[in-house]
């Protein structure tokens, strides 16, 4: 009787061991099935370049649709500025002095120079804005309206207006709606704008698309010749070093 019970216990113990081994094996197989292969991660650029943001990832777009010079930044982010020949994204925004503006307000009336700057903390941005202000009359002669956009709040935007004596429109895009819609958000810096600038003609078409991650910026002498080709009016000769 004792021998019989001992045999049963041995059988039960063996069954427990076999069951445990099977459970461990099943868990190992599942873990391997959900772990990406190292070779796949290297050969698939969408895995490396996908920015950690909500919504559709920019990396899901074909690489050839991105600006060829600005495809990838050091932080695996994409700059995807609205290209030349495309319609500018429609927008409604409030200027620092509380006035509502819409893209439609300028259709068939004004060419637009949309300059995206990093913020009031940026001294190089201030130099660019001051340069545009200095040549405001030349932009007026080309039927062009300057609109400066940053992720600043209203108070900081007003500081820039006062300190630099800006007479053109300044938009505090605190929620980054314009910055994102034009494809120039710097993800690693809380979506403030990369240095960028767009010229939009009276029909709402983008005629100049510029964005740069290395700190380069366009100034009046770079922009006015583009406007002159749009309007057919002579461009002033500006000589800045």
Protein backbone atom coordinates (compact mmCIF):
# COMPACT_ATOMS: atom_id res chain seq x y z
CA UNK A 1 0.00 0.00 0.00
CA UNK A 2 2.81 2.38 0.91
CA UNK A 3 4.65 1.50 -2.28
CA UNK A 4 1.52 2.27 -4.29
CA UNK A 5 1.12 5.67 -2.65
CA UNK A 6 4.80 6.45 -3.21
CA UNK A 7 4.47 5.64 -6.89
CA UNK A 8 1.46 7.93 -7.23
CA UNK A 9 3.32 10.78 -5.54
CA UNK A 10 6.30 10.31 -7.85
CA UNK A 11 4.01 10.40 -10.87
CA UNK A 12 2.32 13.56 -9.60
CA UNK A 13 5.67 15.24 -9.01
CA UNK A 14 6.80 14.33 -12.50
CA UNK A 15 3.61 15.82 -13.95
CA UNK A 16 4.17 19.08 -12.06
CA UNK A 17 7.71 19.31 -13.40
CA UNK A 18 6.58 18.65 -16.98
CA UNK A 19 3.82 21.29 -16.64
CA UNK A 20 6.26 23.87 -15.29
CA UNK A 21 8.68 23.24 -18.15
CA UNK A 22 5.90 23.63 -20.73
CA UNK A 23 4.73 26.94 -19.19
CA UNK A 24 8.28 28.32 -19.22
CA UNK A 25 8.77 27.24 -22.82
CA UNK A 26 5.50 28.87 -23.89
CA UNK A 27 6.48 32.13 -22.18
CA UNK A 28 9.88 32.11 -23.91
CA UNK A 29 8.29 31.58 -27.33
CA UNK A 30 5.85 34.48 -26.74
CA UNK A 31 8.62 36.83 -25.61
CA UNK A 32 10.66 36.06 -28.71
CA UNK A 33 7.64 36.62 -30.95
CA UNK A 34 7.10 40.22 -29.76
CA UNK A 35 10.76 41.32 -29.61
CA UNK A 36 11.86 43.10 -32.85
CA UNK A 37 14.84 41.64 -34.57
CA UNK A 38 17.97 43.83 -34.33
CA UNK A 39 18.43 43.60 -38.09
CA UNK A 40 14.86 44.82 -38.64
CA UNK A 41 15.41 47.88 -36.43
CA UNK A 42 18.53 48.84 -38.38
CA UNK A 43 17.04 48.34 -41.83
CA UNK A 44 13.67 49.98 -41.17
CA UNK A 45 14.14 53.78 -40.88
CA UNK A 46 10.62 54.31 -39.56
CA UNK A 47 11.61 52.52 -36.35
CA UNK A 48 14.63 54.72 -35.77
CA UNK A 49 13.13 57.98 -36.92
CA UNK A 50 9.63 57.85 -35.47
CA UNK A 51 9.22 60.89 -33.18
CA UNK A 52 7.64 60.29 -29.76
CA UNK A 53 4.50 62.35 -30.31
CA UNK A 54 0.81 61.67 -30.35
CA UNK A 55 -1.08 61.41 -33.62
CA UNK A 56 0.28 60.26 -37.00
CA UNK A 57 4.06 60.04 -37.03
CA UNK A 58 5.87 62.17 -39.59
CA UNK A 59 8.13 59.19 -40.27
CA UNK A 60 5.18 57.37 -41.82
CA UNK A 61 5.42 59.73 -44.81
CA UNK A 62 7.70 58.64 -47.67
CA UNK A 63 11.17 60.07 -47.20
CA UNK A 64 11.10 61.61 -50.67
CA UNK A 65 8.20 63.84 -49.61
CA UNK A 66 10.38 65.49 -46.96
CA UNK A 67 12.75 68.34 -47.62
CA UNK A 68 15.92 66.61 -48.91
CA UNK A 69 18.23 68.88 -46.91
CA UNK A 70 16.23 68.69 -43.69
CA UNK A 71 15.24 65.02 -43.53
CA UNK A 72 16.61 64.15 -40.09
CA UNK A 73 17.87 66.15 -37.12
CA UNK A 74 20.20 65.06 -34.37
CA UNK A 75 17.22 64.05 -32.22
CA UNK A 76 15.67 61.74 -34.84
CA UNK A 77 13.05 64.35 -35.60
CA UNK A 78 11.74 65.47 -38.94
CA UNK A 79 11.44 68.93 -40.39
CA UNK A 80 8.62 68.86 -42.90
CA UNK A 81 8.09 72.47 -44.00
CA UNK A 82 5.27 73.19 -46.42
CA UNK A 83 7.00 73.02 -49.83
CA UNK A 84 7.01 75.50 -52.67
CA UNK A 85 4.02 75.09 -54.95
CA UNK A 86 1.63 73.98 -52.20
CA UNK A 87 -1.18 76.01 -50.71
CA UNK A 88 -0.34 77.53 -47.36
CA UNK A 89 -2.26 75.99 -44.46
CA UNK A 90 -5.31 78.04 -43.61
CA UNK A 91 -5.10 79.71 -40.22
CA UNK A 92 -6.82 82.04 -37.81
CA UNK A 93 -4.69 83.67 -35.16
CA UNK A 94 -4.62 86.54 -32.69
CA UNK A 95 -1.81 89.07 -32.79
CA UNK A 96 -0.01 90.29 -29.69
CA UNK A 97 -2.17 93.42 -29.68
CA UNK A 98 -5.37 91.36 -29.73
CA UNK A 99 -6.40 91.56 -33.39
CA UNK A 100 -7.71 88.48 -35.18
CA UNK A 101 -6.13 87.67 -38.55
CA UNK A 102 -6.88 84.96 -41.10
CA UNK A 103 -5.02 83.78 -44.15
CA UNK A 104 -8.14 84.54 -46.16
CA UNK A 105 -7.87 88.22 -45.16
CA UNK A 106 -4.82 88.60 -47.41
CA UNK A 107 -6.05 86.70 -50.47
CA UNK A 108 -5.81 88.83 -53.63
CA UNK A 109 -4.58 91.72 -51.47
CA UNK A 110 -1.15 91.03 -49.99
CA UNK A 111 1.81 88.74 -50.34
CA UNK A 112 2.79 87.33 -46.96
CA UNK A 113 6.18 86.89 -45.35
CA UNK A 114 5.69 84.45 -42.48
CA UNK A 115 8.78 84.36 -40.29
CA UNK A 116 8.90 81.75 -37.52
CA UNK A 117 11.33 82.64 -34.74
CA UNK A 118 12.22 80.78 -31.55
CA UNK A 119 11.15 83.39 -29.02
CA UNK A 120 11.99 86.59 -27.17
CA UNK A 121 14.95 84.86 -25.46
CA UNK A 122 16.71 84.44 -28.83
CA UNK A 123 19.14 87.29 -29.62
CA UNK A 124 19.81 86.04 -33.16
CA UNK A 125 16.06 86.02 -33.79
CA UNK A 126 15.89 89.61 -32.57
CA UNK A 127 18.53 90.59 -35.13
CA UNK A 128 16.48 89.00 -37.89
CA UNK A 129 13.26 90.76 -36.81
CA UNK A 130 15.10 94.08 -36.52
CA UNK A 131 16.44 93.63 -40.05
CA UNK A 132 12.93 93.02 -41.39
CA UNK A 133 11.65 96.08 -39.53
CA UNK A 134 14.46 98.23 -40.93
CA UNK A 135 13.39 97.31 -44.47
CA UNK A 136 9.64 97.49 -43.90
CA UNK A 137 9.16 100.13 -46.61
CA UNK A 138 10.79 97.83 -49.19
CA UNK A 139 8.38 95.05 -48.25
CA UNK A 140 5.46 97.47 -48.53
CA UNK A 141 6.63 98.33 -52.03
CA UNK A 142 6.37 94.64 -52.93
CA UNK A 143 2.79 94.44 -51.60
CA UNK A 144 4.05 92.24 -48.76
CA UNK A 145 2.83 91.93 -45.21
CA UNK A 146 5.24 90.59 -42.58
CA UNK A 147 3.88 88.30 -39.85
CA UNK A 148 6.26 87.04 -37.18
CA UNK A 149 5.24 83.89 -35.27
CA UNK A 150 6.74 82.29 -32.16
CA UNK A 151 5.68 80.04 -29.31
CA UNK A 152 5.88 82.99 -26.89
CA UNK A 153 2.91 83.97 -24.79
CA UNK A 154 1.31 87.39 -25.32
CA UNK A 155 3.44 89.16 -22.71
CA UNK A 156 6.75 88.00 -24.23
CA UNK A 157 5.53 88.80 -27.75
CA UNK A 158 4.66 92.31 -26.64
CA UNK A 159 8.13 92.63 -25.10
CA UNK A 160 9.65 91.84 -28.49
CA UNK A 161 7.39 94.37 -30.18
CA UNK A 162 8.37 97.10 -27.71
CA UNK A 163 12.08 96.36 -27.44
CA UNK A 164 12.59 96.05 -31.21
CA UNK A 165 10.08 98.71 -32.26
CA UNK A 166 8.22 96.29 -34.53
CA UNK A 167 5.40 97.74 -36.59
CA UNK A 168 4.44 94.49 -38.34
CA UNK A 169 2.16 91.80 -36.94
CA UNK A 170 3.54 89.52 -34.22
CA UNK A 171 1.60 86.37 -33.35
CA UNK A 172 2.07 84.55 -30.01
CA UNK A 173 1.46 80.97 -31.08
CA UNK A 174 1.55 79.64 -27.51
CA UNK A 175 -0.35 76.47 -28.46
CA UNK A 176 1.98 75.93 -31.46
CA UNK A 177 -0.88 75.52 -33.93
CA UNK A 178 0.72 77.56 -36.73
CA UNK A 179 4.16 76.16 -35.98
CA UNK A 180 2.91 72.59 -36.34
CA UNK A 181 0.71 73.28 -39.36
CA UNK A 182 3.69 74.68 -41.29
CA UNK A 183 5.82 71.66 -40.29
CA UNK A 184 8.57 73.49 -38.39
CA UNK A 185 8.07 72.33 -34.78
CA UNK A 186 11.23 71.46 -32.85
CA UNK A 187 10.06 68.42 -30.92
CA UNK A 188 13.04 68.26 -28.56
CA UNK A 189 12.43 71.87 -27.48
CA UNK A 190 8.72 71.60 -26.67
CA UNK A 191 7.68 72.37 -30.26
CA UNK A 192 9.05 75.88 -30.48
CA UNK A 193 9.76 76.81 -34.09
CA UNK A 194 12.90 75.94 -35.99
CA UNK A 195 14.29 79.06 -37.71
CA UNK A 196 12.08 79.19 -40.80
CA UNK A 197 10.39 81.53 -43.24
CA UNK A 198 7.70 81.26 -45.93
CA UNK A 199 6.62 83.61 -48.68
CA UNK A 200 2.96 83.15 -49.62
CA UNK A 201 1.61 84.95 -52.67
CA UNK A 202 -1.77 86.63 -53.03
CA UNK A 203 -3.31 83.38 -54.26
CA UNK A 204 -2.26 81.58 -51.07
CA UNK A 205 0.51 79.55 -52.73
CA UNK A 206 3.89 79.02 -51.05
CA UNK A 207 6.60 80.63 -53.20
CA UNK A 208 9.50 80.37 -50.77
CA UNK A 209 9.92 77.63 -48.16
CA UNK A 210 12.91 77.83 -45.83
CA UNK A 211 13.66 75.98 -42.61
CA UNK A 212 17.02 75.32 -41.03
CA UNK A 213 18.25 73.35 -38.02
CA UNK A 214 21.76 74.83 -38.04
CA UNK A 215 20.77 78.34 -36.99
CA UNK A 216 20.72 79.96 -40.43
CA UNK A 217 18.07 82.62 -41.03
CA UNK A 218 16.86 84.62 -44.01
CA UNK A 219 17.08 88.39 -43.99
CA UNK A 220 15.63 91.13 -46.17
CA UNK A 221 18.28 90.82 -48.89
CA UNK A 222 17.33 87.13 -49.29
CA UNK A 223 13.56 87.65 -49.33
CA UNK A 224 12.98 90.80 -51.38
CA UNK A 225 14.33 89.32 -54.66
CA UNK A 226 11.79 86.48 -54.31
CA UNK A 227 8.99 88.99 -53.84
CA UNK A 228 10.26 91.00 -56.82
CA UNK A 229 9.94 87.94 -59.05
CA UNK A 230 6.36 87.53 -57.87
CA UNK A 231 5.33 91.16 -58.33
CA UNK A 232 7.52 92.11 -61.29
CA UNK A 233 8.66 95.20 -59.41
CA UNK A 234 12.36 95.97 -59.06
CA UNK A 235 14.03 94.79 -55.86
CA UNK A 236 16.24 97.18 -53.91
CA UNK A 237 19.92 96.44 -53.71
CA UNK A 238 20.72 95.70 -50.09
CA UNK A 239 24.29 95.06 -49.12
CA UNK A 240 24.60 93.38 -45.71
CA UNK A 241 27.66 91.48 -44.58
